[in-house]
Amino acid sequence: MKKELLSNISKIHTTELGIERIKKNLDIDVENVVEYCINLIKKRKFTNRMQR
């Protein structure tokens, strides 16, 4: 599952309504929510590798 997510990370997208829900649920105020989420996923991948 993780490998699939990372290999398709460029396909992550959302709608305008999705952007608002993500901002509300994560309590964030960023301009580009998709980029923010992609960066979190990539950071998590790197962090997990460092912990091994």
PDB file of N, CA and C in Angstrom:
ATOM      1  N   MET A   1       0.832  -1.201   0.000  1.00  0.00           N
ATOM      2  CA  MET A   1       0.000   0.000   0.000  1.00  0.00           C
ATOM      3  C   MET A   1       0.869   1.255   0.000  1.00  0.00           C
ATOM      4  N   LYS A   2       1.888   1.315   0.858  1.00  0.00           N
ATOM      5  CA  LYS A   2       2.751   2.493   0.919  1.00  0.00           C
ATOM      6  C   LYS A   2       3.456   2.722  -0.406  1.00  0.00           C
ATOM      7  N   LYS A   3       3.921   1.633  -1.013  1.00  0.00           N
ATOM      8  CA  LYS A   3       4.631   1.733  -2.273  1.00  0.00           C
ATOM      9  C   LYS A   3       3.717   2.306  -3.368  1.00  0.00           C
ATOM     10  N   GLU A   4       2.457   1.876  -3.378  1.00  0.00           N
ATOM     11  CA  GLU A   4       1.492   2.379  -4.355  1.00  0.00           C
ATOM     12  C   GLU A   4       1.246   3.875  -4.161  1.00  0.00           C
ATOM     13  N   LEU A   5       1.082   4.282  -2.913  1.00  0.00           N
ATOM     14  CA  LEU A   5       0.851   5.696  -2.618  1.00  0.00           C
ATOM     15  C   LEU A   5       2.013   6.539  -3.120  1.00  0.00           C
ATOM     16  N   LEU A   6       3.220   6.118  -2.803  1.00  0.00           N
ATOM     17  CA  LEU A   6       4.392   6.894  -3.196  1.00  0.00           C
ATOM     18  C   LEU A   6       4.598   6.894  -4.708  1.00  0.00           C
ATOM     19  N   SER A   7       4.286   5.805  -5.370  1.00  0.00           N
ATOM     20  CA  SER A   7       4.473   5.763  -6.825  1.00  0.00           C
ATOM     21  C   SER A   7       3.403   6.562  -7.562  1.00  0.00           C
ATOM     22  N   ASN A   8       2.304   6.858  -6.893  1.00  0.00           N
ATOM     23  CA  ASN A   8       1.223   7.637  -7.514  1.00  0.00           C
ATOM     24  C   ASN A   8       1.021   8.992  -6.850  1.00  0.00           C
ATOM     25  N   ILE A   9       2.011   9.449  -6.129  1.00  0.00           N
ATOM     26  CA  ILE A   9       1.870  10.679  -5.347  1.00  0.00           C
ATOM     27  C   ILE A   9       1.547  11.899  -6.232  1.00  0.00           C
ATOM     28  N   SER A  10       1.988  11.875  -7.465  1.00  0.00           N
ATOM     29  CA  SER A  10       1.718  13.003  -8.368  1.00  0.00           C
ATOM     30  C   SER A  10       0.250  13.063  -8.795  1.00  0.00           C
ATOM     31  N   LYS A  11      -0.511  12.026  -8.518  1.00  0.00           N
ATOM     32  CA  LYS A  11      -1.929  11.984  -8.907  1.00  0.00           C
ATOM     33  C   LYS A  11      -2.861  12.475  -7.798  1.00  0.00           C
ATOM     34  N   ILE A  12      -2.295  12.807  -6.644  1.00  0.00           N
ATOM     35  CA  ILE A  12      -3.128  13.270  -5.530  1.00  0.00           C
ATOM     36  C   ILE A  12      -3.772  14.602  -5.897  1.00  0.00           C
ATOM     37  N   HIS A  13      -5.071  14.700  -5.674  1.00  0.00           N
ATOM     38  CA  HIS A  13      -5.815  15.922  -5.985  1.00  0.00           C
ATOM     39  C   HIS A  13      -7.060  15.982  -5.108  1.00  0.00           C
ATOM     40  N   THR A  14      -7.769  17.087  -5.161  1.00  0.00           N
ATOM     41  CA  THR A  14      -9.016  17.231  -4.415  1.00  0.00           C
ATOM     42  C   THR A  14      -9.877  18.301  -5.089  1.00  0.00           C
ATOM     43  N   THR A  15     -11.077  18.457  -4.578  1.00  0.00           N
ATOM     44  CA  THR A  15     -12.000  19.483  -5.072  1.00  0.00           C
ATOM     45  C   THR A  15     -11.910  20.711  -4.166  1.00  0.00           C
ATOM     46  N   GLU A  16     -12.585  21.757  -4.548  1.00  0.00           N
ATOM     47  CA  GLU A  16     -12.612  22.963  -3.705  1.00  0.00           C
ATOM     48  C   GLU A  16     -13.233  22.648  -2.345  1.00  0.00           C
ATOM     49  N   LEU A  17     -14.302  21.868  -2.352  1.00  0.00           N
ATOM     50  CA  LEU A  17     -14.935  21.490  -1.092  1.00  0.00           C
ATOM     51  C   LEU A  17     -13.990  20.617  -0.267  1.00  0.00           C
ATOM     52  N   GLY A  18     -13.263  19.738  -0.932  1.00  0.00           N
ATOM     53  CA  GLY A  18     -12.287  18.892  -0.255  1.00  0.00           C
ATOM     54  C   GLY A  18     -11.197  19.713   0.408  1.00  0.00           C
ATOM     55  N   ILE A  19     -10.766  20.759  -0.268  1.00  0.00           N
ATOM     56  CA  ILE A  19      -9.748  21.657   0.290  1.00  0.00           C
ATOM     57  C   ILE A  19     -10.240  22.253   1.606  1.00  0.00           C
ATOM     58  N   GLU A  20     -11.469  22.717   1.615  1.00  0.00           N
ATOM     59  CA  GLU A  20     -12.028  23.313   2.830  1.00  0.00           C
ATOM     60  C   GLU A  20     -12.147  22.290   3.951  1.00  0.00           C
ATOM     61  N   ARG A  21     -12.567  21.063   3.617  1.00  0.00           N
ATOM     62  CA  ARG A  21     -12.685  20.016   4.643  1.00  0.00           C
ATOM     63  C   ARG A  21     -11.322  19.656   5.218  1.00  0.00           C
ATOM     64  N   ILE A  22     -10.319  19.525   4.350  1.00  0.00           N
ATOM     65  CA  ILE A  22      -8.970  19.197   4.817  1.00  0.00           C
ATOM     66  C   ILE A  22      -8.442  20.290   5.733  1.00  0.00           C
ATOM     67  N   LYS A  23      -8.623  21.553   5.320  1.00  0.00           N
ATOM     68  CA  LYS A  23      -8.165  22.670   6.155  1.00  0.00           C
ATOM     69  C   LYS A  23      -8.835  22.636   7.521  1.00  0.00           C
ATOM     70  N   LYS A  24     -10.137  22.372   7.536  1.00  0.00           N
ATOM     71  CA  LYS A  24     -10.874  22.340   8.796  1.00  0.00           C
ATOM     72  C   LYS A  24     -10.436  21.153   9.651  1.00  0.00           C
ATOM     73  N   ASN A  25     -10.369  19.966   9.052  1.00  0.00           N
ATOM     74  CA  ASN A  25     -10.037  18.753   9.808  1.00  0.00           C
ATOM     75  C   ASN A  25      -8.611  18.750  10.331  1.00  0.00           C
ATOM     76  N   LEU A  26      -7.675  19.323   9.575  1.00  0.00           N
ATOM     77  CA  LEU A  26      -6.285  19.364  10.008  1.00  0.00           C
ATOM     78  C   LEU A  26      -5.945  20.650  10.749  1.00  0.00           C
ATOM     79  N   ASP A  27      -6.917  21.570  10.782  1.00  0.00           N
ATOM     80  CA  ASP A  27      -6.733  22.865  11.435  1.00  0.00           C
ATOM     81  C   ASP A  27      -5.476  23.558  10.901  1.00  0.00           C
ATOM     82  N   ILE A  28      -5.444  23.712   9.571  1.00  0.00           N
ATOM     83  CA  ILE A  28      -4.311  24.360   8.915  1.00  0.00           C
ATOM     84  C   ILE A  28      -4.800  25.539   8.089  1.00  0.00           C
ATOM     85  N   ASP A  29      -3.910  26.468   7.849  1.00  0.00           N
ATOM     86  CA  ASP A  29      -4.214  27.619   7.011  1.00  0.00           C
ATOM     87  C   ASP A  29      -3.077  27.771   6.002  1.00  0.00           C
ATOM     88  N   VAL A  30      -3.111  26.929   4.986  1.00  0.00           N
ATOM     89  CA  VAL A  30      -2.095  26.968   3.941  1.00  0.00           C
ATOM     90  C   VAL A  30      -2.778  27.225   2.611  1.00  0.00           C
ATOM     91  N   GLU A  31      -2.031  27.781   1.680  1.00  0.00           N
ATOM     92  CA  GLU A  31      -2.609  28.105   0.384  1.00  0.00           C
ATOM     93  C   GLU A  31      -2.820  26.860  -0.473  1.00  0.00           C
ATOM     94  N   ASN A  32      -1.833  25.973  -0.509  1.00  0.00           N
ATOM     95  CA  ASN A  32      -1.907  24.788  -1.357  1.00  0.00           C
ATOM     96  C   ASN A  32      -1.994  23.532  -0.480  1.00  0.00           C
ATOM     97  N   VAL A  33      -3.215  23.078  -0.245  1.00  0.00           N
ATOM     98  CA  VAL A  33      -3.468  21.947   0.641  1.00  0.00           C
ATOM     99  C   VAL A  33      -2.885  20.652   0.067  1.00  0.00           C
ATOM    100  N   VAL A  34      -3.026  20.445  -1.221  1.00  0.00           N
ATOM    101  CA  VAL A  34      -2.520  19.217  -1.838  1.00  0.00           C
ATOM    102  C   VAL A  34      -1.002  19.140  -1.679  1.00  0.00           C
ATOM    103  N   GLU A  35      -0.324  20.220  -1.956  1.00  0.00           N
ATOM    104  CA  GLU A  35       1.132  20.250  -1.798  1.00  0.00           C
ATOM    105  C   GLU A  35       1.515  20.000  -0.334  1.00  0.00           C
ATOM    106  N   TYR A  36       0.780  20.591   0.570  1.00  0.00           N
ATOM    107  CA  TYR A  36       1.026  20.401   1.998  1.00  0.00           C
ATOM    108  C   TYR A  36       0.915  18.916   2.366  1.00  0.00           C
ATOM    109  N   CYS A  37      -0.135  18.264   1.908  1.00  0.00           N
ATOM    110  CA  CYS A  37      -0.349  16.851   2.220  1.00  0.00           C
ATOM    111  C   CYS A  37       0.720  15.968   1.576  1.00  0.00           C
ATOM    112  N   ILE A  38       1.090  16.266   0.351  1.00  0.00           N
ATOM    113  CA  ILE A  38       2.142  15.511  -0.330  1.00  0.00           C
ATOM    114  C   ILE A  38       3.445  15.633   0.450  1.00  0.00           C
ATOM    115  N   ASN A  39       3.754  16.835   0.894  1.00  0.00           N
ATOM    116  CA  ASN A  39       4.979  17.037   1.673  1.00  0.00           C
ATOM    117  C   ASN A  39       4.941  16.269   2.994  1.00  0.00           C
ATOM    118  N   LEU A  40       3.776  16.185   3.622  1.00  0.00           N
ATOM    119  CA  LEU A  40       3.649  15.403   4.856  1.00  0.00           C
ATOM    120  C   LEU A  40       3.911  13.924   4.582  1.00  0.00           C
ATOM    121  N   ILE A  41       3.367  13.429   3.495  1.00  0.00           N
ATOM    122  CA  ILE A  41       3.566  12.022   3.138  1.00  0.00           C
ATOM    123  C   ILE A  41       5.045  11.748   2.878  1.00  0.00           C
ATOM    124  N   LYS A  42       5.686  12.621   2.117  1.00  0.00           N
ATOM    125  CA  LYS A  42       7.106  12.446   1.808  1.00  0.00           C
ATOM    126  C   LYS A  42       7.955  12.545   3.076  1.00  0.00           C
ATOM    127  N   LYS A  43       7.622  13.488   3.940  1.00  0.00           N
ATOM    128  CA  LYS A  43       8.363  13.657   5.190  1.00  0.00           C
ATOM    129  C   LYS A  43       8.206  12.415   6.059  1.00  0.00           C
ATOM    130  N   ARG A  44       7.019  11.875   6.115  1.00  0.00           N
ATOM    131  CA  ARG A  44       6.746  10.672   6.902  1.00  0.00           C
ATOM    132  C   ARG A  44       7.565   9.510   6.355  1.00  0.00           C
ATOM    133  N   LYS A  45       7.657   9.394   5.042  1.00  0.00           N
ATOM    134  CA  LYS A  45       8.444   8.330   4.421  1.00  0.00           C
ATOM    135  C   LYS A  45       9.903   8.450   4.839  1.00  0.00           C
ATOM    136  N   PHE A  46      10.440   9.643   4.785  1.00  0.00           N
ATOM    137  CA  PHE A  46      11.833   9.869   5.146  1.00  0.00           C
ATOM    138  C   PHE A  46      12.055   9.593   6.627  1.00  0.00           C
ATOM    139  N   THR A  47      11.151  10.056   7.463  1.00  0.00           N
ATOM    140  CA  THR A  47      11.255   9.869   8.908  1.00  0.00           C
ATOM    141  C   THR A  47      11.225   8.385   9.256  1.00  0.00           C
ATOM    142  N   ASN A  48      10.359   7.626   8.615  1.00  0.00           N
ATOM    143  CA  ASN A  48      10.269   6.187   8.876  1.00  0.00           C
ATOM    144  C   ASN A  48      11.565   5.484   8.500  1.00  0.00           C
ATOM    145  N   ARG A  49      12.196   5.897   7.420  1.00  0.00           N
ATOM    146  CA  ARG A  49      13.454   5.292   7.005  1.00  0.00           C
ATOM    147  C   ARG A  49      14.560   5.601   8.004  1.00  0.00           C
ATOM    148  N   MET A  50      14.555   6.800   8.548  1.00  0.00           N
ATOM    149  CA  MET A  50      15.587   7.209   9.502  1.00  0.00           C
ATOM    150  C   MET A  50      15.466   6.415  10.806  1.00  0.00           C
ATOM    151  N   GLN A  51      14.268   6.003  11.158  1.00  0.00           N
ATOM    152  CA  GLN A  51      14.036   5.301  12.417  1.00  0.00           C
ATOM    153  C   GLN A  51      14.433   3.835  12.343  1.00  0.00           C
ATOM    154  N   ARG A  52      14.623   3.293  11.161  1.00  0.00           N
ATOM    155  CA  ARG A  52      14.963   1.864  11.008  1.00  0.00           C
ATOM    156  C   ARG A  52      16.385   1.598  11.348  1.00  0.00           C
TER     157      ARG A  52
END
